[in-house]
Amino acid sequence: MNSLTAHIELELEQRQRKEEGCIAWVTVHNESRRNALTSLLMNDLAEVFCKLRANEGLRAAVLTGAGEKAFSGGVDIEEMAGLMPSEAKAFITGLHSVCQAIRDLPVPVIARIQGYALGGAMEMAASCDLRIAGESARFGMPEVRLGIPSVIEAALLPRLIGWGWTRRLLLLGEVISAQEALGCGFVERVVEDSQLDQAVEEWLAMLVSAGPQAIRAQKALIQKWEDAPLSQAITMGIEAFHAAYQSGEPQRMMRDFLDARRQKIRQP
């Protein structure tokens, strides 16, 4: 795939007020192939998210696909069809590297989904912290129809949608609608396609209005909870609460909140 027709676009949007920091928009551009993920695109995606980790002013990221037809149709089937057995492990590890890089970003990642999100693309979306879809979105894990199992970050699905829906998607390979994805808990919000960008902006506004250190601490804590028993997860939360006060951010934000409330009470 020619790099001129398939590439990753990164836009760092500097918010109007300095304290709001940056929002990263990461877009997969392979529109003529429904934003199919080639090995080169996967390498570029992983590299972009790894580099974003060093941006201390980053507040959130949005992952999306170019055009209206697809978030991504999944991993490029033509490339997979040509894989030798000796190449398969490295190839699928490349997709895992993308998903891991998304999960390792210390700020929330929103999947903005329009059109198809299939196979590896659905796994990328599962690796994001929040998922918002347009009514046109369609989701599926059709790997068994191509002679392979769904692997790597498909393992995230049971905790997102439960074992029943996971088995339905992975064993039947069917494609479901945005409303079905909302109903099973895979996406958190569905809007008209024309309202998708506005809805994403609403979520971004909520994220940047929160304490930047608190948001980073919350994402890290949620990920730790995934593998921790309940008692350990609670202890982790106590330590995170203590660490927050050492940063000074709660004191400042609570003072601002109380001052604003007092001003509102004083107003006639």
C-alpha atoms as a PDB file:
ATOM      1  CA  MET A   1       0.000   0.000   0.000  1.00  0.00           C
ATOM      2  CA  ASN A   2       1.418   3.317  -1.120  1.00  0.00           C
ATOM      3  CA  SER A   3       2.211   5.620   1.806  1.00  0.00           C
ATOM      4  CA  LEU A   4       0.568   8.463  -0.119  1.00  0.00           C
ATOM      5  CA  THR A   5      -2.808   6.697  -0.006  1.00  0.00           C
ATOM      6  CA  ALA A   6      -2.533   4.956   3.355  1.00  0.00           C
ATOM      7  CA  HIS A   7      -1.162   6.774   6.361  1.00  0.00           C
ATOM      8  CA  ILE A   8      -1.783   7.885   9.907  1.00  0.00           C
ATOM      9  CA  GLU A   9      -2.633  11.523  10.487  1.00  0.00           C
ATOM     10  CA  LEU A  10      -1.924  13.084  13.867  1.00  0.00           C
ATOM     11  CA  GLU A  11      -3.394  16.445  14.734  1.00  0.00           C
ATOM     12  CA  LEU A  12      -2.525  18.066  18.051  1.00  0.00           C
ATOM     13  CA  GLU A  13      -5.213  20.604  18.800  1.00  0.00           C
ATOM     14  CA  GLN A  14      -4.099  23.284  21.247  1.00  0.00           C
ATOM     15  CA  ARG A  15      -7.052  24.414  23.293  1.00  0.00           C
ATOM     16  CA  GLN A  16      -7.868  28.111  23.552  1.00  0.00           C
ATOM     17  CA  ARG A  17      -7.065  28.336  27.248  1.00  0.00           C
ATOM     18  CA  LYS A  18      -3.535  27.363  28.135  1.00  0.00           C
ATOM     19  CA  GLU A  19      -4.537  25.256  31.125  1.00  0.00           C
ATOM     20  CA  GLU A  20      -6.598  22.949  28.920  1.00  0.00           C
ATOM     21  CA  GLY A  21      -3.514  21.566  27.197  1.00  0.00           C
ATOM     22  CA  CYS A  22      -3.668  19.477  24.011  1.00  0.00           C
ATOM     23  CA  ILE A  23      -6.091  17.050  22.412  1.00  0.00           C
ATOM     24  CA  ALA A  24      -4.624  14.549  19.942  1.00  0.00           C
ATOM     25  CA  TRP A  25      -6.721  13.450  16.954  1.00  0.00           C
ATOM     26  CA  VAL A  26      -5.330  10.269  15.362  1.00  0.00           C
ATOM     27  CA  THR A  27      -6.893   9.327  12.020  1.00  0.00           C
ATOM     28  CA  VAL A  28      -6.352   6.193   9.927  1.00  0.00           C
ATOM     29  CA  HIS A  29      -6.249   7.184   6.241  1.00  0.00           C
ATOM     30  CA  ASN A  30      -6.852   4.245   3.900  1.00  0.00           C
ATOM     31  CA  GLU A  31     -10.295   5.304   2.786  1.00  0.00           C
ATOM     32  CA  SER A  32     -10.347   3.438  -0.547  1.00  0.00           C
ATOM     33  CA  ARG A  33      -9.919   0.188   1.425  1.00  0.00           C
ATOM     34  CA  ARG A  34     -12.298   1.058   4.278  1.00  0.00           C
ATOM     35  CA  ASN A  35      -9.286   2.117   6.328  1.00  0.00           C
ATOM     36  CA  ALA A  36      -7.932  -1.435   6.351  1.00  0.00           C
ATOM     37  CA  LEU A  37      -4.967  -1.911   8.666  1.00  0.00           C
ATOM     38  CA  THR A  38      -1.814  -2.927   6.859  1.00  0.00           C
ATOM     39  CA  SER A  39       1.320  -3.899   8.774  1.00  0.00           C
ATOM     40  CA  LEU A  40       2.828  -0.513   7.885  1.00  0.00           C
ATOM     41  CA  LEU A  41      -0.226   1.329   9.190  1.00  0.00           C
ATOM     42  CA  MET A  42      -0.177  -0.723  12.378  1.00  0.00           C
ATOM     43  CA  ASN A  43       3.485   0.126  12.934  1.00  0.00           C
ATOM     44  CA  ASP A  44       2.725   3.810  12.392  1.00  0.00           C
ATOM     45  CA  LEU A  45      -0.241   3.734  14.768  1.00  0.00           C
ATOM     46  CA  ALA A  46       1.763   2.102  17.534  1.00  0.00           C
ATOM     47  CA  GLU A  47       4.569   4.614  17.035  1.00  0.00           C
ATOM     48  CA  VAL A  48       2.201   7.596  17.185  1.00  0.00           C
ATOM     49  CA  PHE A  49       0.606   6.484  20.444  1.00  0.00           C
ATOM     50  CA  CYS A  50       3.974   5.635  21.976  1.00  0.00           C
ATOM     51  CA  LYS A  51       5.302   9.105  21.140  1.00  0.00           C
ATOM     52  CA  LEU A  52       2.195  10.767  22.562  1.00  0.00           C
ATOM     53  CA  ARG A  53       3.004   9.307  25.970  1.00  0.00           C
ATOM     54  CA  ALA A  54       5.839  11.826  26.349  1.00  0.00           C
ATOM     55  CA  ASN A  55       3.488  14.821  25.879  1.00  0.00           C
ATOM     56  CA  GLU A  56       2.873  16.027  29.448  1.00  0.00           C
ATOM     57  CA  GLY A  57       0.368  18.614  28.242  1.00  0.00           C
ATOM     58  CA  LEU A  58      -1.834  15.997  26.566  1.00  0.00           C
ATOM     59  CA  ARG A  59      -5.331  15.820  28.050  1.00  0.00           C
ATOM     60  CA  ALA A  60      -7.067  13.279  25.799  1.00  0.00           C
ATOM     61  CA  ALA A  61      -6.895  11.575  22.414  1.00  0.00           C
ATOM     62  CA  VAL A  62      -9.456  10.690  19.756  1.00  0.00           C
ATOM     63  CA  LEU A  63      -8.973   7.705  17.416  1.00  0.00           C
ATOM     64  CA  THR A  64     -10.991   7.599  14.206  1.00  0.00           C
ATOM     65  CA  GLY A  65     -10.952   6.636  10.541  1.00  0.00           C
ATOM     66  CA  ALA A  66     -11.068   8.844   7.456  1.00  0.00           C
ATOM     67  CA  GLY A  67     -14.344   9.244   5.606  1.00  0.00           C
ATOM     68  CA  GLU A  68     -17.845   8.081   6.436  1.00  0.00           C
ATOM     69  CA  LYS A  69     -17.767   4.384   5.508  1.00  0.00           C
ATOM     70  CA  ALA A  70     -15.476   2.927   8.142  1.00  0.00           C
ATOM     71  CA  PHE A  71     -13.703   3.478  11.416  1.00  0.00           C
ATOM     72  CA  SER A  72     -11.691   0.600   9.984  1.00  0.00           C
ATOM     73  CA  GLY A  73     -12.703  -2.561   8.185  1.00  0.00           C
ATOM     74  CA  GLY A  74     -10.054  -4.425  10.170  1.00  0.00           C
ATOM     75  CA  VAL A  75      -6.720  -5.931   9.278  1.00  0.00           C
ATOM     76  CA  ASP A  76      -5.956  -6.008   5.539  1.00  0.00           C
ATOM     77  CA  ILE A  77      -7.165  -9.413   4.288  1.00  0.00           C
ATOM     78  CA  GLU A  78      -5.003  -9.359   1.172  1.00  0.00           C
ATOM     79  CA  GLU A  79      -1.904  -9.023   3.325  1.00  0.00           C
ATOM     80  CA  MET A  80      -3.075 -11.727   5.749  1.00  0.00           C
ATOM     81  CA  ALA A  81      -3.824 -14.099   2.886  1.00  0.00           C
ATOM     82  CA  GLY A  82      -0.176 -13.944   1.839  1.00  0.00           C
ATOM     83  CA  LEU A  83       1.304 -14.628   5.269  1.00  0.00           C
ATOM     84  CA  MET A  84       3.596 -17.607   5.727  1.00  0.00           C
ATOM     85  CA  PRO A  85       3.256 -19.584   8.987  1.00  0.00           C
ATOM     86  CA  SER A  86       6.631 -18.196  10.067  1.00  0.00           C
ATOM     87  CA  GLU A  87       5.284 -14.629   9.673  1.00  0.00           C
ATOM     88  CA  ALA A  88       1.919 -14.996  11.408  1.00  0.00           C
ATOM     89  CA  LYS A  89       3.082 -14.490  14.991  1.00  0.00           C
ATOM     90  CA  ALA A  90       4.984 -11.282  14.259  1.00  0.00           C
ATOM     91  CA  PHE A  91       2.073  -9.953  12.191  1.00  0.00           C
ATOM     92  CA  ILE A  92      -0.584 -10.375  14.871  1.00  0.00           C
ATOM     93  CA  THR A  93       1.834  -9.114  17.517  1.00  0.00           C
ATOM     94  CA  GLY A  94       1.965  -5.899  15.489  1.00  0.00           C
ATOM     95  CA  LEU A  95      -1.759  -5.396  16.000  1.00  0.00           C
ATOM     96  CA  HIS A  96      -1.396  -6.167  19.696  1.00  0.00           C
ATOM     97  CA  SER A  97       1.315  -3.479  19.874  1.00  0.00           C
ATOM     98  CA  VAL A  98      -1.203  -0.926  18.569  1.00  0.00           C
ATOM     99  CA  CYS A  99      -3.828  -1.938  21.124  1.00  0.00           C
ATOM    100  CA  GLN A 100      -1.287  -1.937  23.938  1.00  0.00           C
ATOM    101  CA  ALA A 101       0.019   1.494  22.941  1.00  0.00           C
ATOM    102  CA  ILE A 102      -3.546   2.833  23.089  1.00  0.00           C
ATOM    103  CA  ARG A 103      -4.086   1.296  26.524  1.00  0.00           C
ATOM    104  CA  ASP A 104      -0.720   2.584  27.746  1.00  0.00           C
ATOM    105  CA  LEU A 105      -1.479   6.211  26.857  1.00  0.00           C
ATOM    106  CA  PRO A 106      -1.798   7.884  30.281  1.00  0.00           C
ATOM    107  CA  VAL A 107      -4.820   9.967  29.210  1.00  0.00           C
ATOM    108  CA  PRO A 108      -8.267   8.828  28.023  1.00  0.00           C
ATOM    109  CA  VAL A 109      -8.652   7.725  24.413  1.00  0.00           C
ATOM    110  CA  ILE A 110     -12.060   8.133  22.751  1.00  0.00           C
ATOM    111  CA  ALA A 111     -12.919   5.901  19.792  1.00  0.00           C
ATOM    112  CA  ARG A 112     -14.985   7.968  17.330  1.00  0.00           C
ATOM    113  CA  ILE A 113     -16.724   5.301  15.253  1.00  0.00           C
ATOM    114  CA  GLN A 114     -18.576   5.804  12.005  1.00  0.00           C
ATOM    115  CA  GLY A 115     -19.282   2.982   9.567  1.00  0.00           C
ATOM    116  CA  TYR A 116     -17.623  -0.414   9.916  1.00  0.00           C
ATOM    117  CA  ALA A 117     -15.447  -1.476  12.853  1.00  0.00           C
ATOM    118  CA  LEU A 118     -14.564  -5.098  12.199  1.00  0.00           C
ATOM    119  CA  GLY A 119     -12.100  -7.597  13.608  1.00  0.00           C
ATOM    120  CA  GLY A 120      -8.865  -5.911  14.593  1.00  0.00           C
ATOM    121  CA  ALA A 121     -10.578  -2.520  14.386  1.00  0.00           C
ATOM    122  CA  MET A 122     -13.132  -3.599  16.980  1.00  0.00           C
ATOM    123  CA  GLU A 123     -10.211  -4.734  19.147  1.00  0.00           C
ATOM    124  CA  MET A 124      -8.627  -1.288  18.772  1.00  0.00           C
ATOM    125  CA  ALA A 125     -11.919   0.289  19.813  1.00  0.00           C
ATOM    126  CA  ALA A 126     -12.096  -2.066  22.800  1.00  0.00           C
ATOM    127  CA  SER A 127      -8.633  -0.853  23.799  1.00  0.00           C
ATOM    128  CA  CYS A 128      -9.886   2.729  23.996  1.00  0.00           C
ATOM    129  CA  ASP A 129     -11.321   4.101  27.226  1.00  0.00           C
ATOM    130  CA  LEU A 130     -14.569   5.407  25.748  1.00  0.00           C
ATOM    131  CA  ARG A 131     -16.455   4.600  22.570  1.00  0.00           C
ATOM    132  CA  ILE A 132     -18.993   6.800  20.801  1.00  0.00           C
ATOM    133  CA  ALA A 133     -20.646   5.680  17.570  1.00  0.00           C
ATOM    134  CA  GLY A 134     -22.735   7.146  14.813  1.00  0.00           C
ATOM    135  CA  GLU A 135     -25.974   5.386  13.856  1.00  0.00           C
ATOM    136  CA  SER A 136     -24.233   4.028  10.740  1.00  0.00           C
ATOM    137  CA  ALA A 137     -21.647   2.119  12.769  1.00  0.00           C
ATOM    138  CA  ARG A 138     -21.493  -1.649  12.366  1.00  0.00           C
ATOM    139  CA  PHE A 139     -19.459  -3.967  14.575  1.00  0.00           C
ATOM    140  CA  GLY A 140     -18.264  -7.515  14.103  1.00  0.00           C
ATOM    141  CA  MET A 141     -15.563 -10.090  14.777  1.00  0.00           C
ATOM    142  CA  PRO A 142     -15.691 -12.190  11.586  1.00  0.00           C
ATOM    143  CA  GLU A 143     -12.308 -13.916  11.912  1.00  0.00           C
ATOM    144  CA  VAL A 144     -13.722 -17.465  12.130  1.00  0.00           C
ATOM    145  CA  ARG A 145     -15.266 -16.909   8.694  1.00  0.00           C
ATOM    146  CA  LEU A 146     -11.714 -16.424   7.411  1.00  0.00           C
ATOM    147  CA  GLY A 147     -10.261 -19.522   9.090  1.00  0.00           C
ATOM    148  CA  ILE A 148      -8.665 -17.860  12.116  1.00  0.00           C
ATOM    149  CA  PRO A 149      -9.800 -17.281  15.712  1.00  0.00           C
ATOM    150  CA  SER A 150     -10.266 -13.830  17.196  1.00  0.00           C
ATOM    151  CA  VAL A 151      -7.251 -13.255  19.438  1.00  0.00           C
ATOM    152  CA  ILE A 152      -5.168 -10.655  21.339  1.00  0.00           C
ATOM    153  CA  GLU A 153      -7.409  -7.793  22.565  1.00  0.00           C
ATOM    154  CA  ALA A 154     -10.552  -9.776  21.781  1.00  0.00           C
ATOM    155  CA  ALA A 155      -9.815 -10.965  25.332  1.00  0.00           C
ATOM    156  CA  LEU A 156     -11.091  -7.563  26.516  1.00  0.00           C
ATOM    157  CA  LEU A 157     -14.592  -8.272  25.217  1.00  0.00           C
ATOM    158  CA  PRO A 158     -15.946 -10.480  28.039  1.00  0.00           C
ATOM    159  CA  ARG A 159     -15.396  -7.746  30.615  1.00  0.00           C
ATOM    160  CA  LEU A 160     -17.025  -5.172  28.319  1.00  0.00           C
ATOM    161  CA  ILE A 161     -20.019  -7.113  26.979  1.00  0.00           C
ATOM    162  CA  GLY A 162     -20.145 -10.370  28.956  1.00  0.00           C
ATOM    163  CA  TRP A 163     -19.454 -13.930  27.903  1.00  0.00           C
ATOM    164  CA  GLY A 164     -22.740 -14.442  26.048  1.00  0.00           C
ATOM    165  CA  TRP A 165     -22.274 -11.540  23.647  1.00  0.00           C
ATOM    166  CA  THR A 166     -18.583 -12.398  23.292  1.00  0.00           C
ATOM    167  CA  ARG A 167     -19.415 -15.956  22.219  1.00  0.00           C
ATOM    168  CA  ARG A 168     -22.109 -14.678  19.866  1.00  0.00           C
ATOM    169  CA  LEU A 169     -19.744 -12.315  18.093  1.00  0.00           C
ATOM    170  CA  LEU A 170     -16.669 -14.553  18.026  1.00  0.00           C
ATOM    171  CA  LEU A 171     -18.356 -17.865  17.190  1.00  0.00           C
ATOM    172  CA  LEU A 172     -21.017 -16.658  14.767  1.00  0.00           C
ATOM    173  CA  GLY A 173     -18.973 -13.878  13.187  1.00  0.00           C
ATOM    174  CA  GLU A 174     -22.086 -11.768  12.717  1.00  0.00           C
ATOM    175  CA  VAL A 175     -22.185  -8.001  12.299  1.00  0.00           C
ATOM    176  CA  ILE A 176     -24.297  -5.974  14.731  1.00  0.00           C
ATOM    177  CA  SER A 177     -25.722  -2.469  14.598  1.00  0.00           C
ATOM    178  CA  ALA A 178     -24.707   0.554  16.633  1.00  0.00           C
ATOM    179  CA  GLN A 179     -27.848   0.205  18.743  1.00  0.00           C
ATOM    180  CA  GLU A 180     -27.033  -3.449  19.463  1.00  0.00           C
ATOM    181  CA  ALA A 181     -23.487  -2.436  20.402  1.00  0.00           C
ATOM    182  CA  LEU A 182     -24.974   0.133  22.782  1.00  0.00           C
ATOM    183  CA  GLY A 183     -27.355  -2.428  24.226  1.00  0.00           C
ATOM    184  CA  CYS A 184     -24.612  -4.966  24.964  1.00  0.00           C
ATOM    185  CA  GLY A 185     -22.349  -2.305  26.463  1.00  0.00           C
ATOM    186  CA  PHE A 186     -19.620  -2.162  23.840  1.00  0.00           C
ATOM    187  CA  VAL A 187     -20.198   1.529  23.104  1.00  0.00           C
ATOM    188  CA  GLU A 188     -21.243   4.099  25.671  1.00  0.00           C
ATOM    189  CA  ARG A 189     -23.183   6.414  23.364  1.00  0.00           C
ATOM    190  CA  VAL A 190     -24.821   6.391  19.920  1.00  0.00           C
ATOM    191  CA  VAL A 191     -25.801   9.561  18.045  1.00  0.00           C
ATOM    192  CA  GLU A 192     -26.852  10.553  14.553  1.00  0.00           C
ATOM    193  CA  ASP A 193     -23.843  10.558  12.239  1.00  0.00           C
ATOM    194  CA  SER A 194     -24.222  14.295  11.736  1.00  0.00           C
ATOM    195  CA  GLN A 195     -23.937  14.816  15.513  1.00  0.00           C
ATOM    196  CA  LEU A 196     -20.892  12.593  16.034  1.00  0.00           C
ATOM    197  CA  ASP A 197     -18.256  15.312  16.141  1.00  0.00           C
ATOM    198  CA  GLN A 198     -20.387  17.473  18.433  1.00  0.00           C
ATOM    199  CA  ALA A 199     -20.871  14.529  20.800  1.00  0.00           C
ATOM    200  CA  VAL A 200     -17.127  13.845  20.861  1.00  0.00           C
ATOM    201  CA  GLU A 201     -16.486  17.500  21.648  1.00  0.00           C
ATOM    202  CA  GLU A 202     -18.934  17.306  24.557  1.00  0.00           C
ATOM    203  CA  TRP A 203     -16.954  14.436  26.057  1.00  0.00           C
ATOM    204  CA  LEU A 204     -13.660  16.230  25.462  1.00  0.00           C
ATOM    205  CA  ALA A 205     -15.008  19.323  27.214  1.00  0.00           C
ATOM    206  CA  MET A 206     -15.868  17.169  30.235  1.00  0.00           C
ATOM    207  CA  LEU A 207     -12.397  15.630  30.278  1.00  0.00           C
ATOM    208  CA  VAL A 208     -10.519  18.933  30.066  1.00  0.00           C
ATOM    209  CA  SER A 209     -12.697  20.461  32.783  1.00  0.00           C
ATOM    210  CA  ALA A 210     -11.487  17.808  35.225  1.00  0.00           C
ATOM    211  CA  GLY A 211      -8.161  17.814  37.038  1.00  0.00           C
ATOM    212  CA  PRO A 212      -5.468  16.700  34.575  1.00  0.00           C
ATOM    213  CA  GLN A 213      -3.566  14.749  37.201  1.00  0.00           C
ATOM    214  CA  ALA A 214      -6.794  13.274  38.549  1.00  0.00           C
ATOM    215  CA  ILE A 215      -7.761  12.019  35.085  1.00  0.00           C
ATOM    216  CA  ARG A 216      -4.371  10.379  34.584  1.00  0.00           C
ATOM    217  CA  ALA A 217      -4.543   8.821  38.046  1.00  0.00           C
ATOM    218  CA  GLN A 218      -8.081   7.566  37.384  1.00  0.00           C
ATOM    219  CA  LYS A 219      -7.159   5.892  34.100  1.00  0.00           C
ATOM    220  CA  ALA A 220      -4.145   4.201  35.707  1.00  0.00           C
ATOM    221  CA  LEU A 221      -6.281   3.032  38.624  1.00  0.00           C
ATOM    222  CA  ILE A 222      -9.006   1.605  36.376  1.00  0.00           C
ATOM    223  CA  GLN A 223      -6.419  -0.436  34.497  1.00  0.00           C
ATOM    224  CA  LYS A 224      -4.943  -1.758  37.740  1.00  0.00           C
ATOM    225  CA  TRP A 225      -8.428  -2.773  38.889  1.00  0.00           C
ATOM    226  CA  GLU A 226      -8.778  -5.030  35.833  1.00  0.00           C
ATOM    227  CA  ASP A 227      -6.373  -7.614  37.241  1.00  0.00           C
ATOM    228  CA  ALA A 228      -6.594  -6.966  40.981  1.00  0.00           C
ATOM    229  CA  PRO A 229      -8.804  -8.739  43.550  1.00  0.00           C
ATOM    230  CA  LEU A 230     -11.333  -6.475  45.256  1.00  0.00           C
ATOM    231  CA  SER A 231      -9.391  -5.972  48.494  1.00  0.00           C
ATOM    232  CA  GLN A 232      -6.234  -5.041  46.605  1.00  0.00           C
ATOM    233  CA  ALA A 233      -8.172  -2.718  44.280  1.00  0.00           C
ATOM    234  CA  ILE A 234      -9.569  -0.846  47.292  1.00  0.00           C
ATOM    235  CA  THR A 235      -6.095  -0.475  48.778  1.00  0.00           C
ATOM    236  CA  MET A 236      -4.845   0.855  45.445  1.00  0.00           C
ATOM    237  CA  GLY A 237      -7.607   3.459  45.559  1.00  0.00           C
ATOM    238  CA  ILE A 238      -6.614   4.629  49.032  1.00  0.00           C
ATOM    239  CA  GLU A 239      -3.018   5.095  47.865  1.00  0.00           C
ATOM    240  CA  ALA A 240      -4.198   6.985  44.769  1.00  0.00           C
ATOM    241  CA  PHE A 241      -6.316   9.284  46.962  1.00  0.00           C
ATOM    242  CA  HIS A 242      -3.295  10.007  49.157  1.00  0.00           C
ATOM    243  CA  ALA A 243      -1.081  10.667  46.142  1.00  0.00           C
ATOM    244  CA  ALA A 244      -3.635  13.111  44.727  1.00  0.00           C
ATOM    245  CA  TYR A 245      -3.405  15.303  47.823  1.00  0.00           C
ATOM    246  CA  GLN A 246       0.373  15.308  47.591  1.00  0.00           C
ATOM    247  CA  SER A 247       0.054  16.906  44.149  1.00  0.00           C
ATOM    248  CA  GLY A 248      -1.952  19.881  45.467  1.00  0.00           C
ATOM    249  CA  GLU A 249      -4.501  19.578  42.657  1.00  0.00           C
ATOM    250  CA  PRO A 250      -7.499  18.647  44.890  1.00  0.00           C
ATOM    251  CA  GLN A 251      -6.888  21.574  47.234  1.00  0.00           C
ATOM    252  CA  ARG A 252      -6.749  24.047  44.359  1.00  0.00           C
ATOM    253  CA  MET A 253      -9.772  22.692  42.509  1.00  0.00           C
ATOM    254  CA  MET A 254     -11.895  22.402  45.642  1.00  0.00           C
ATOM    255  CA  ARG A 255     -11.065  25.982  46.646  1.00  0.00           C
ATOM    256  CA  ASP A 256     -12.071  27.135  43.171  1.00  0.00           C
ATOM    257  CA  PHE A 257     -15.320  25.173  43.429  1.00  0.00           C
ATOM    258  CA  LEU A 258     -16.174  26.615  46.842  1.00  0.00           C
ATOM    259  CA  ASP A 259     -15.289  30.160  45.757  1.00  0.00           C
ATOM    260  CA  ALA A 260     -17.544  29.833  42.709  1.00  0.00           C
ATOM    261  CA  ARG A 261     -20.380  28.506  44.861  1.00  0.00           C
ATOM    262  CA  ARG A 262     -20.017  31.399  47.322  1.00  0.00           C
ATOM    263  CA  GLN A 263     -20.069  33.904  44.485  1.00  0.00           C
ATOM    264  CA  LYS A 264     -23.237  32.335  43.121  1.00  0.00           C
ATOM    265  CA  ILE A 265     -24.929  32.502  46.548  1.00  0.00           C
ATOM    266  CA  ARG A 266     -24.028  36.187  46.917  1.00  0.00           C
ATOM    267  CA  GLN A 267     -25.555  37.100  43.574  1.00  0.00           C
ATOM    268  CA  PRO A 268     -29.084  38.619  43.822  1.00  0.00           C
END
